[in-house]
Amino acid sequence: MHEASIAKNYAEALLELAIRAGAAEEWGGIIHALAGAVESDVTLRRFLEAPQVATADKVRILAKGLEGRAPKTFILFIQKLVSNRRQLLIADVATAYTNLLDAAAGRVHARLTVARAVSDADRDAIVKQLSAALKKTVVPHVTVNPAILGGVVVRVGDEVMDGSVRRRLETVRRKMLGVR
């Protein structure tokens, strides 16, 4: 089975447990904090990757580290993940969890690329139009790229809506040269 599918299956199970506990958003923060720790702490990452460290030791140490910081059911979930030798998928599970949580809440993340920094009012206007068009709540992630010259490029998942001046100029150039 593909790792992304496995991570999604674990994320679905974690979301179900979180919903039962009435803490879906809170558990999302915990799984992301754990994923961040695994990615940023070389010692922790090497410990989890090390085949010479017994699974039982990994389970025990993670439980001690999470005790008081995470609910018991969450800790049991992480222990099961490690017992199944899937500890290297923690970051993927966190990403899949967020995607599932967003889908359940009717949210989509949009990457907005603009030529120069935009005001909060302009960003909010773009988000309002996108939310109406997509019929979902849009969470914007704005980046600045002067190469697009003006306008905005929006990426939602695999869909790209290119309203940049650069693309428009390229279209005009192709028409003038008779190139398709």
N, C-alpha and C. Protein backbone atom coordinates (compact mmCIF):
# COMPACT_ATOMS: atom_id res chain seq x y z
N MET A 1 0.85 -1.18 0.00
CA MET A 1 0.00 0.00 0.00
C MET A 1 0.90 1.24 0.00
N HIS A 2 0.49 2.26 -0.69
CA HIS A 2 1.24 3.50 -0.82
C HIS A 2 1.24 4.25 0.52
N GLU A 3 2.38 4.89 0.84
CA GLU A 3 2.51 5.58 2.14
C GLU A 3 1.46 6.66 2.35
N ALA A 4 1.09 7.39 1.29
CA ALA A 4 0.07 8.43 1.44
C ALA A 4 -1.27 7.81 1.83
N SER A 5 -1.60 6.66 1.26
CA SER A 5 -2.85 5.97 1.60
C SER A 5 -2.81 5.48 3.04
N ILE A 6 -1.67 4.97 3.45
CA ILE A 6 -1.52 4.48 4.82
C ILE A 6 -1.67 5.65 5.80
N ALA A 7 -1.00 6.76 5.49
CA ALA A 7 -1.08 7.94 6.36
C ALA A 7 -2.52 8.43 6.45
N LYS A 8 -3.23 8.42 5.32
CA LYS A 8 -4.62 8.88 5.31
C LYS A 8 -5.48 7.96 6.17
N ASN A 9 -5.25 6.65 6.09
CA ASN A 9 -6.01 5.70 6.91
C ASN A 9 -5.79 5.98 8.40
N TYR A 10 -4.55 6.21 8.78
CA TYR A 10 -4.26 6.54 10.18
C TYR A 10 -4.90 7.87 10.57
N ALA A 11 -4.85 8.83 9.67
CA ALA A 11 -5.44 10.14 9.95
C ALA A 11 -6.95 10.02 10.13
N GLU A 12 -7.59 9.19 9.32
CA GLU A 12 -9.04 8.97 9.46
C GLU A 12 -9.36 8.37 10.83
N ALA A 13 -8.55 7.40 11.24
CA ALA A 13 -8.75 6.79 12.55
C ALA A 13 -8.55 7.81 13.67
N LEU A 14 -7.49 8.62 13.54
CA LEU A 14 -7.23 9.65 14.56
C LEU A 14 -8.35 10.67 14.61
N LEU A 15 -8.86 11.07 13.46
CA LEU A 15 -9.96 12.05 13.43
C LEU A 15 -11.21 11.46 14.08
N GLU A 16 -11.49 10.21 13.83
CA GLU A 16 -12.64 9.56 14.45
C GLU A 16 -12.49 9.56 15.97
N LEU A 17 -11.31 9.23 16.46
CA LEU A 17 -11.06 9.24 17.91
C LEU A 17 -11.19 10.67 18.47
N ALA A 18 -10.67 11.64 17.73
CA ALA A 18 -10.73 13.04 18.18
C ALA A 18 -12.17 13.55 18.23
N ILE A 19 -12.96 13.16 17.23
CA ILE A 19 -14.37 13.58 17.21
C ILE A 19 -15.11 12.97 18.39
N ARG A 20 -14.84 11.70 18.67
CA ARG A 20 -15.46 11.05 19.83
C ARG A 20 -15.08 11.76 21.12
N ALA A 21 -13.85 12.25 21.18
CA ALA A 21 -13.38 12.97 22.38
C ALA A 21 -13.82 14.43 22.38
N GLY A 22 -14.41 14.88 21.26
CA GLY A 22 -14.86 16.27 21.17
C GLY A 22 -13.71 17.26 21.10
N ALA A 23 -12.60 16.85 20.50
CA ALA A 23 -11.42 17.71 20.48
C ALA A 23 -10.66 17.61 19.16
N ALA A 24 -11.38 17.66 18.05
CA ALA A 24 -10.75 17.49 16.73
C ALA A 24 -9.69 18.55 16.46
N GLU A 25 -9.98 19.81 16.73
CA GLU A 25 -9.02 20.89 16.48
C GLU A 25 -7.80 20.75 17.41
N GLU A 26 -8.07 20.46 18.68
CA GLU A 26 -6.99 20.32 19.66
C GLU A 26 -6.04 19.19 19.27
N TRP A 27 -6.58 18.06 18.86
CA TRP A 27 -5.74 16.93 18.47
C TRP A 27 -4.95 17.23 17.21
N GLY A 28 -5.54 18.06 16.34
CA GLY A 28 -4.80 18.49 15.15
C GLY A 28 -3.56 19.27 15.55
N GLY A 29 -3.69 20.13 16.54
CA GLY A 29 -2.53 20.88 17.03
C GLY A 29 -1.49 19.97 17.65
N ILE A 30 -1.95 18.94 18.36
CA ILE A 30 -1.01 18.02 19.01
C ILE A 30 -0.25 17.19 17.98
N ILE A 31 -0.96 16.66 16.98
CA ILE A 31 -0.29 15.82 15.98
C ILE A 31 0.69 16.66 15.16
N HIS A 32 0.34 17.93 14.91
CA HIS A 32 1.26 18.81 14.18
C HIS A 32 2.48 19.17 15.03
N ALA A 33 2.27 19.38 16.31
CA ALA A 33 3.40 19.67 17.21
C ALA A 33 4.34 18.47 17.26
N LEU A 34 3.78 17.27 17.33
CA LEU A 34 4.60 16.06 17.34
C LEU A 34 5.34 15.90 16.02
N ALA A 35 4.65 16.13 14.92
CA ALA A 35 5.29 16.04 13.60
C ALA A 35 6.41 17.06 13.48
N GLY A 36 6.18 18.28 13.98
CA GLY A 36 7.22 19.31 13.96
C GLY A 36 8.42 18.92 14.79
N ALA A 37 8.16 18.31 15.93
CA ALA A 37 9.26 17.86 16.79
C ALA A 37 10.08 16.78 16.10
N VAL A 38 9.41 15.85 15.45
CA VAL A 38 10.11 14.77 14.75
C VAL A 38 10.95 15.33 13.60
N GLU A 39 10.40 16.31 12.89
CA GLU A 39 11.13 16.88 11.75
C GLU A 39 12.28 17.79 12.19
N SER A 40 12.11 18.52 13.28
CA SER A 40 13.13 19.50 13.67
C SER A 40 14.18 18.95 14.64
N ASP A 41 13.83 17.94 15.42
CA ASP A 41 14.75 17.39 16.41
C ASP A 41 15.44 16.16 15.84
N VAL A 42 16.70 16.32 15.47
CA VAL A 42 17.47 15.25 14.84
C VAL A 42 17.57 14.03 15.76
N THR A 43 17.76 14.26 17.04
CA THR A 43 17.88 13.16 17.99
C THR A 43 16.60 12.33 18.04
N LEU A 44 15.47 13.01 18.12
CA LEU A 44 14.18 12.31 18.15
C LEU A 44 13.96 11.54 16.86
N ARG A 45 14.24 12.17 15.74
CA ARG A 45 14.05 11.51 14.44
C ARG A 45 14.93 10.27 14.33
N ARG A 46 16.21 10.39 14.72
CA ARG A 46 17.12 9.24 14.65
C ARG A 46 16.68 8.13 15.60
N PHE A 47 16.18 8.52 16.76
CA PHE A 47 15.68 7.54 17.72
C PHE A 47 14.52 6.75 17.10
N LEU A 48 13.57 7.45 16.48
CA LEU A 48 12.43 6.77 15.87
C LEU A 48 12.83 5.93 14.66
N GLU A 49 13.84 6.39 13.91
CA GLU A 49 14.29 5.67 12.72
C GLU A 49 15.14 4.45 13.06
N ALA A 50 15.79 4.45 14.21
CA ALA A 50 16.79 3.43 14.56
C ALA A 50 16.19 2.04 14.66
N PRO A 51 16.61 1.13 13.79
CA PRO A 51 16.10 -0.24 13.86
C PRO A 51 16.65 -1.00 15.07
N GLN A 52 17.78 -0.57 15.61
CA GLN A 52 18.37 -1.26 16.75
C GLN A 52 17.66 -0.93 18.07
N VAL A 53 16.81 0.10 18.09
CA VAL A 53 16.03 0.43 19.28
C VAL A 53 14.73 -0.37 19.20
N ALA A 54 14.45 -1.12 20.23
CA ALA A 54 13.26 -1.96 20.26
C ALA A 54 11.99 -1.11 20.19
N THR A 55 11.01 -1.65 19.52
CA THR A 55 9.72 -0.96 19.39
C THR A 55 9.12 -0.68 20.77
N ALA A 56 9.25 -1.61 21.67
CA ALA A 56 8.71 -1.43 23.03
C ALA A 56 9.37 -0.23 23.72
N ASP A 57 10.65 -0.03 23.49
CA ASP A 57 11.34 1.12 24.07
C ASP A 57 10.84 2.43 23.46
N LYS A 58 10.63 2.42 22.15
CA LYS A 58 10.11 3.62 21.48
C LYS A 58 8.72 3.96 22.01
N VAL A 59 7.87 2.95 22.14
CA VAL A 59 6.51 3.15 22.65
C VAL A 59 6.55 3.72 24.07
N ARG A 60 7.39 3.14 24.91
CA ARG A 60 7.47 3.57 26.31
C ARG A 60 7.98 5.01 26.42
N ILE A 61 9.01 5.33 25.69
CA ILE A 61 9.61 6.67 25.78
C ILE A 61 8.68 7.73 25.20
N LEU A 62 8.02 7.43 24.09
CA LEU A 62 7.05 8.38 23.54
C LEU A 62 5.90 8.61 24.51
N ALA A 63 5.43 7.57 25.16
CA ALA A 63 4.35 7.71 26.14
C ALA A 63 4.77 8.62 27.29
N LYS A 64 6.01 8.45 27.75
CA LYS A 64 6.52 9.32 28.82
C LYS A 64 6.62 10.76 28.35
N GLY A 65 7.08 10.95 27.13
CA GLY A 65 7.24 12.30 26.59
C GLY A 65 5.92 13.02 26.36
N LEU A 66 4.89 12.26 26.02
CA LEU A 66 3.58 12.86 25.73
C LEU A 66 2.69 12.96 26.96
N GLU A 67 3.04 12.22 28.01
CA GLU A 67 2.23 12.22 29.22
C GLU A 67 2.05 13.63 29.76
N GLY A 68 0.82 14.00 30.02
CA GLY A 68 0.52 15.33 30.53
C GLY A 68 0.39 16.38 29.43
N ARG A 69 0.81 16.03 28.22
CA ARG A 69 0.74 16.97 27.09
C ARG A 69 -0.33 16.58 26.09
N ALA A 70 -0.75 15.32 26.16
CA ALA A 70 -1.73 14.81 25.19
C ALA A 70 -2.70 13.89 25.92
N PRO A 71 -3.92 13.79 25.42
CA PRO A 71 -4.89 12.87 26.03
C PRO A 71 -4.42 11.42 25.93
N LYS A 72 -4.88 10.61 26.84
CA LYS A 72 -4.48 9.19 26.91
C LYS A 72 -4.79 8.47 25.59
N THR A 73 -5.96 8.72 25.02
CA THR A 73 -6.34 8.05 23.77
C THR A 73 -5.40 8.45 22.64
N PHE A 74 -4.98 9.70 22.61
CA PHE A 74 -4.02 10.15 21.60
C PHE A 74 -2.69 9.41 21.78
N ILE A 75 -2.24 9.29 23.00
CA ILE A 75 -0.98 8.59 23.28
C ILE A 75 -1.08 7.13 22.84
N LEU A 76 -2.22 6.50 23.11
CA LEU A 76 -2.42 5.11 22.68
C LEU A 76 -2.39 5.00 21.16
N PHE A 77 -2.93 6.00 20.48
CA PHE A 77 -2.90 6.01 19.01
C PHE A 77 -1.45 6.07 18.53
N ILE A 78 -0.66 6.96 19.09
CA ILE A 78 0.74 7.10 18.69
C ILE A 78 1.50 5.81 19.01
N GLN A 79 1.20 5.20 20.14
CA GLN A 79 1.86 3.94 20.48
C GLN A 79 1.51 2.86 19.45
N LYS A 80 0.27 2.82 19.00
CA LYS A 80 -0.13 1.84 17.98
C LYS A 80 0.58 2.13 16.66
N LEU A 81 0.69 3.39 16.32
CA LEU A 81 1.41 3.79 15.10
C LEU A 81 2.85 3.28 15.15
N VAL A 82 3.50 3.45 16.29
CA VAL A 82 4.88 3.01 16.46
C VAL A 82 4.95 1.48 16.48
N SER A 83 4.02 0.84 17.16
CA SER A 83 3.99 -0.62 17.22
C SER A 83 3.86 -1.23 15.82
N ASN A 84 3.15 -0.53 14.96
CA ASN A 84 2.98 -0.99 13.58
C ASN A 84 4.12 -0.53 12.67
N ARG A 85 5.15 0.03 13.27
CA ARG A 85 6.35 0.51 12.57
C ARG A 85 6.03 1.57 11.51
N ARG A 86 5.14 2.47 11.87
CA ARG A 86 4.74 3.56 10.97
C ARG A 86 5.11 4.92 11.55
N GLN A 87 6.04 4.95 12.50
CA GLN A 87 6.41 6.20 13.16
C GLN A 87 7.00 7.23 12.21
N LEU A 88 7.55 6.80 11.10
CA LEU A 88 8.11 7.75 10.14
C LEU A 88 7.03 8.44 9.32
N LEU A 89 5.78 8.03 9.50
CA LEU A 89 4.66 8.65 8.79
C LEU A 89 3.94 9.71 9.62
N ILE A 90 4.48 10.05 10.78
CA ILE A 90 3.80 10.99 11.66
C ILE A 90 3.51 12.32 10.95
N ALA A 91 4.47 12.85 10.21
CA ALA A 91 4.25 14.12 9.49
C ALA A 91 3.17 13.95 8.41
N ASP A 92 3.19 12.82 7.72
CA ASP A 92 2.18 12.57 6.68
C ASP A 92 0.79 12.40 7.30
N VAL A 93 0.73 11.76 8.46
CA VAL A 93 -0.54 11.59 9.17
C VAL A 93 -1.06 12.97 9.59
N ALA A 94 -0.17 13.84 10.06
CA ALA A 94 -0.57 15.19 10.48
C ALA A 94 -1.14 15.97 9.30
N THR A 95 -0.49 15.88 8.15
CA THR A 95 -0.97 16.58 6.95
C THR A 95 -2.32 16.03 6.51
N ALA A 96 -2.44 14.72 6.47
CA ALA A 96 -3.70 14.09 6.07
C ALA A 96 -4.81 14.43 7.07
N TYR A 97 -4.47 14.50 8.34
CA TYR A 97 -5.45 14.85 9.38
C TYR A 97 -6.00 16.26 9.11
N THR A 98 -5.11 17.20 8.85
CA THR A 98 -5.53 18.57 8.56
C THR A 98 -6.42 18.61 7.33
N ASN A 99 -6.05 17.88 6.29
CA ASN A 99 -6.86 17.85 5.08
C ASN A 99 -8.26 17.31 5.36
N LEU A 100 -8.35 16.25 6.14
CA LEU A 100 -9.65 15.68 6.50
C LEU A 100 -10.47 16.64 7.35
N LEU A 101 -9.81 17.28 8.30
CA LEU A 101 -10.49 18.24 9.16
C LEU A 101 -11.01 19.42 8.34
N ASP A 102 -10.18 19.90 7.41
CA ASP A 102 -10.60 21.00 6.55
C ASP A 102 -11.78 20.60 5.66
N ALA A 103 -11.73 19.41 5.11
CA ALA A 103 -12.82 18.94 4.25
C ALA A 103 -14.12 18.84 5.05
N ALA A 104 -14.03 18.34 6.27
CA ALA A 104 -15.21 18.21 7.11
C ALA A 104 -15.79 19.58 7.48
N ALA A 105 -14.92 20.57 7.61
CA ALA A 105 -15.35 21.92 7.98
C ALA A 105 -15.67 22.79 6.77
N GLY A 106 -15.49 22.26 5.55
CA GLY A 106 -15.77 23.03 4.35
C GLY A 106 -14.72 24.10 4.08
N ARG A 107 -13.47 23.80 4.44
CA ARG A 107 -12.38 24.75 4.22
C ARG A 107 -11.46 24.24 3.12
N VAL A 108 -10.92 25.18 2.36
CA VAL A 108 -9.86 24.84 1.40
C VAL A 108 -8.73 25.84 1.60
N HIS A 109 -7.52 25.36 1.36
CA HIS A 109 -6.35 26.23 1.45
C HIS A 109 -6.00 26.69 0.04
N ALA A 110 -5.81 27.99 -0.09
CA ALA A 110 -5.48 28.57 -1.40
C ALA A 110 -4.14 29.28 -1.31
N ARG A 111 -3.27 28.99 -2.25
CA ARG A 111 -1.99 29.69 -2.36
C ARG A 111 -2.21 30.86 -3.30
N LEU A 112 -2.07 32.05 -2.78
CA LEU A 112 -2.24 33.27 -3.58
C LEU A 112 -0.87 33.85 -3.87
N THR A 113 -0.52 33.96 -5.13
CA THR A 113 0.75 34.57 -5.51
C THR A 113 0.45 35.93 -6.12
N VAL A 114 1.06 36.95 -5.56
CA VAL A 114 0.85 38.33 -6.02
C VAL A 114 2.21 38.95 -6.35
N ALA A 115 2.18 40.01 -7.14
CA ALA A 115 3.43 40.65 -7.57
C ALA A 115 4.05 41.50 -6.47
N ARG A 116 3.22 42.05 -5.60
CA ARG A 116 3.72 42.86 -4.50
C ARG A 116 2.81 42.64 -3.30
N ALA A 117 3.28 43.01 -2.14
CA ALA A 117 2.50 42.81 -0.91
C ALA A 117 1.13 43.47 -1.05
N VAL A 118 0.11 42.78 -0.58
CA VAL A 118 -1.25 43.30 -0.66
C VAL A 118 -1.72 43.71 0.73
N SER A 119 -2.63 44.64 0.75
CA SER A 119 -3.20 45.08 2.03
C SER A 119 -4.15 43.99 2.54
N ASP A 120 -4.47 44.09 3.80
CA ASP A 120 -5.42 43.14 4.38
C ASP A 120 -6.78 43.23 3.69
N ALA A 121 -7.17 44.45 3.34
CA ALA A 121 -8.45 44.65 2.66
C ALA A 121 -8.46 43.96 1.29
N ASP A 122 -7.37 44.11 0.54
CA ASP A 122 -7.28 43.46 -0.78
C ASP A 122 -7.29 41.94 -0.63
N ARG A 123 -6.52 41.43 0.33
CA ARG A 123 -6.48 39.99 0.57
C ARG A 123 -7.87 39.48 0.94
N ASP A 124 -8.56 40.21 1.81
CA ASP A 124 -9.90 39.81 2.23
C ASP A 124 -10.88 39.83 1.06
N ALA A 125 -10.73 40.79 0.16
CA ALA A 125 -11.61 40.86 -1.02
C ALA A 125 -11.37 39.66 -1.94
N ILE A 126 -10.12 39.29 -2.13
CA ILE A 126 -9.80 38.11 -2.96
C ILE A 126 -10.37 36.86 -2.31
N VAL A 127 -10.19 36.72 -1.01
CA VAL A 127 -10.69 35.55 -0.28
C VAL A 127 -12.21 35.49 -0.35
N LYS A 128 -12.86 36.63 -0.24
CA LYS A 128 -14.33 36.67 -0.30
C LYS A 128 -14.81 36.18 -1.67
N GLN A 129 -14.17 36.65 -2.75
CA GLN A 129 -14.56 36.22 -4.10
C GLN A 129 -14.29 34.73 -4.31
N LEU A 130 -13.14 34.27 -3.84
CA LEU A 130 -12.82 32.84 -3.96
C LEU A 130 -13.79 31.98 -3.16
N SER A 131 -14.12 32.41 -1.96
CA SER A 131 -15.04 31.65 -1.12
C SER A 131 -16.41 31.54 -1.80
N ALA A 132 -16.86 32.63 -2.43
CA ALA A 132 -18.14 32.60 -3.13
C ALA A 132 -18.07 31.68 -4.34
N ALA A 133 -16.97 31.74 -5.08
CA ALA A 133 -16.83 30.92 -6.29
C ALA A 133 -16.71 29.43 -5.94
N LEU A 134 -15.98 29.12 -4.89
CA LEU A 134 -15.74 27.72 -4.52
C LEU A 134 -16.80 27.17 -3.57
N LYS A 135 -17.62 28.06 -3.02
CA LYS A 135 -18.64 27.69 -2.04
C LYS A 135 -18.04 26.96 -0.83
N LYS A 136 -16.86 27.41 -0.44
CA LYS A 136 -16.16 26.90 0.73
C LYS A 136 -15.42 28.05 1.39
N THR A 137 -15.08 27.88 2.64
CA THR A 137 -14.27 28.87 3.33
C THR A 137 -12.83 28.73 2.85
N VAL A 138 -12.26 29.82 2.39
CA VAL A 138 -10.90 29.81 1.85
C VAL A 138 -9.93 30.31 2.92
N VAL A 139 -8.88 29.52 3.13
CA VAL A 139 -7.79 29.90 4.03
C VAL A 139 -6.63 30.33 3.12
N PRO A 140 -6.30 31.62 3.10
CA PRO A 140 -5.28 32.09 2.16
C PRO A 140 -3.85 31.93 2.68
N HIS A 141 -2.95 31.64 1.75
CA HIS A 141 -1.52 31.59 2.03
C HIS A 141 -0.89 32.46 0.93
N VAL A 142 -0.51 33.68 1.29
CA VAL A 142 -0.07 34.66 0.31
C VAL A 142 1.46 34.64 0.18
N THR A 143 1.92 34.61 -1.07
CA THR A 143 3.35 34.75 -1.35
C THR A 143 3.51 35.84 -2.39
N VAL A 144 4.65 36.50 -2.33
CA VAL A 144 4.95 37.58 -3.27
C VAL A 144 5.98 37.08 -4.28
N ASN A 145 5.67 37.29 -5.56
CA ASN A 145 6.58 36.93 -6.65
C ASN A 145 6.50 38.03 -7.70
N PRO A 146 7.46 38.95 -7.71
CA PRO A 146 7.43 40.07 -8.65
C PRO A 146 7.44 39.63 -10.12
N ALA A 147 7.85 38.41 -10.40
CA ALA A 147 7.93 37.92 -11.78
C ALA A 147 6.56 37.84 -12.46
N ILE A 148 5.46 37.79 -11.69
CA ILE A 148 4.15 37.72 -12.34
C ILE A 148 3.66 39.10 -12.80
N LEU A 149 4.40 40.15 -12.44
CA LEU A 149 4.19 41.54 -12.86
C LEU A 149 2.96 42.20 -12.26
N GLY A 150 1.88 41.49 -12.07
CA GLY A 150 0.65 42.04 -11.53
C GLY A 150 -0.42 40.97 -11.53
N GLY A 151 -1.57 41.31 -10.97
CA GLY A 151 -2.64 40.33 -10.90
C GLY A 151 -2.39 39.34 -9.79
N VAL A 152 -3.02 38.17 -9.93
CA VAL A 152 -2.89 37.14 -8.89
C VAL A 152 -2.97 35.75 -9.53
N VAL A 153 -2.19 34.84 -8.97
CA VAL A 153 -2.26 33.44 -9.36
C VAL A 153 -2.76 32.68 -8.13
N VAL A 154 -3.84 31.93 -8.32
CA VAL A 154 -4.45 31.19 -7.22
C VAL A 154 -4.30 29.70 -7.47
N ARG A 155 -3.81 28.99 -6.46
CA ARG A 155 -3.71 27.52 -6.55
C ARG A 155 -4.51 26.94 -5.39
N VAL A 156 -5.50 26.12 -5.75
CA VAL A 156 -6.30 25.40 -4.78
C VAL A 156 -6.18 23.92 -5.15
N GLY A 157 -5.44 23.19 -4.35
CA GLY A 157 -5.18 21.79 -4.69
C GLY A 157 -4.40 21.72 -5.99
N ASP A 158 -4.94 20.99 -6.95
CA ASP A 158 -4.29 20.85 -8.26
C ASP A 158 -4.76 21.90 -9.26
N GLU A 159 -5.75 22.68 -8.90
CA GLU A 159 -6.33 23.67 -9.81
C GLU A 159 -5.58 25.00 -9.70
N VAL A 160 -5.21 25.56 -10.86
CA VAL A 160 -4.51 26.84 -10.90
C VAL A 160 -5.35 27.82 -11.70
N MET A 161 -5.59 28.99 -11.11
CA MET A 161 -6.29 30.07 -11.79
C MET A 161 -5.28 31.21 -11.96
N ASP A 162 -4.82 31.38 -13.18
CA ASP A 162 -3.75 32.34 -13.44
C ASP A 162 -4.32 33.64 -14.00
N GLY A 163 -4.40 34.64 -13.15
CA GLY A 163 -4.85 35.96 -13.56
C GLY A 163 -3.71 36.95 -13.54
N SER A 164 -2.50 36.46 -13.84
CA SER A 164 -1.32 37.33 -13.78
C SER A 164 -1.17 38.14 -15.06
N VAL A 165 -0.55 39.29 -14.92
CA VAL A 165 -0.24 40.14 -16.07
C VAL A 165 0.75 39.41 -16.98
N ARG A 166 1.67 38.71 -16.40
CA ARG A 166 2.66 37.96 -17.17
C ARG A 166 1.99 36.98 -18.13
N ARG A 167 0.99 36.22 -17.65
CA ARG A 167 0.28 35.27 -18.51
C ARG A 167 -0.48 36.00 -19.60
N ARG A 168 -1.11 37.11 -19.26
CA ARG A 168 -1.87 37.88 -20.26
C ARG A 168 -0.94 38.41 -21.35
N LEU A 169 0.23 38.91 -20.94
CA LEU A 169 1.20 39.40 -21.93
C LEU A 169 1.70 38.26 -22.81
N GLU A 170 1.92 37.11 -22.23
CA GLU A 170 2.36 35.93 -22.99
C GLU A 170 1.29 35.52 -24.00
N THR A 171 0.02 35.59 -23.61
CA THR A 171 -1.08 35.26 -24.52
C THR A 171 -1.13 36.24 -25.68
N VAL A 172 -0.97 37.52 -25.40
CA VAL A 172 -0.96 38.54 -26.46
C VAL A 172 0.22 38.31 -27.39
N ARG A 173 1.39 38.02 -26.84
CA ARG A 173 2.58 37.77 -27.65
C ARG A 173 2.36 36.59 -28.59
N ARG A 174 1.80 35.51 -28.08
CA ARG A 174 1.55 34.32 -28.91
C ARG A 174 0.57 34.64 -30.04
N LYS A 175 -0.47 35.41 -29.74
CA LYS A 175 -1.45 35.78 -30.77
C LYS A 175 -0.78 36.62 -31.86
N MET A 176 0.07 37.55 -31.43
CA MET A 176 0.73 38.42 -32.40
C MET A 176 1.69 37.63 -33.28
N LEU A 177 2.33 36.62 -32.73
CA LEU A 177 3.28 35.82 -33.49
C LEU A 177 2.60 34.66 -34.22
N GLY A 178 1.32 34.46 -33.94
CA GLY A 178 0.60 33.36 -34.57
C GLY A 178 0.99 32.00 -34.01
N VAL A 179 1.53 31.98 -32.81
CA VAL A 179 1.94 30.74 -32.17
C VAL A 179 0.82 30.26 -31.25
N ARG A 180 0.58 29.00 -31.24
CA ARG A 180 -0.47 28.46 -30.35
C ARG A 180 0.11 27.85 -29.14
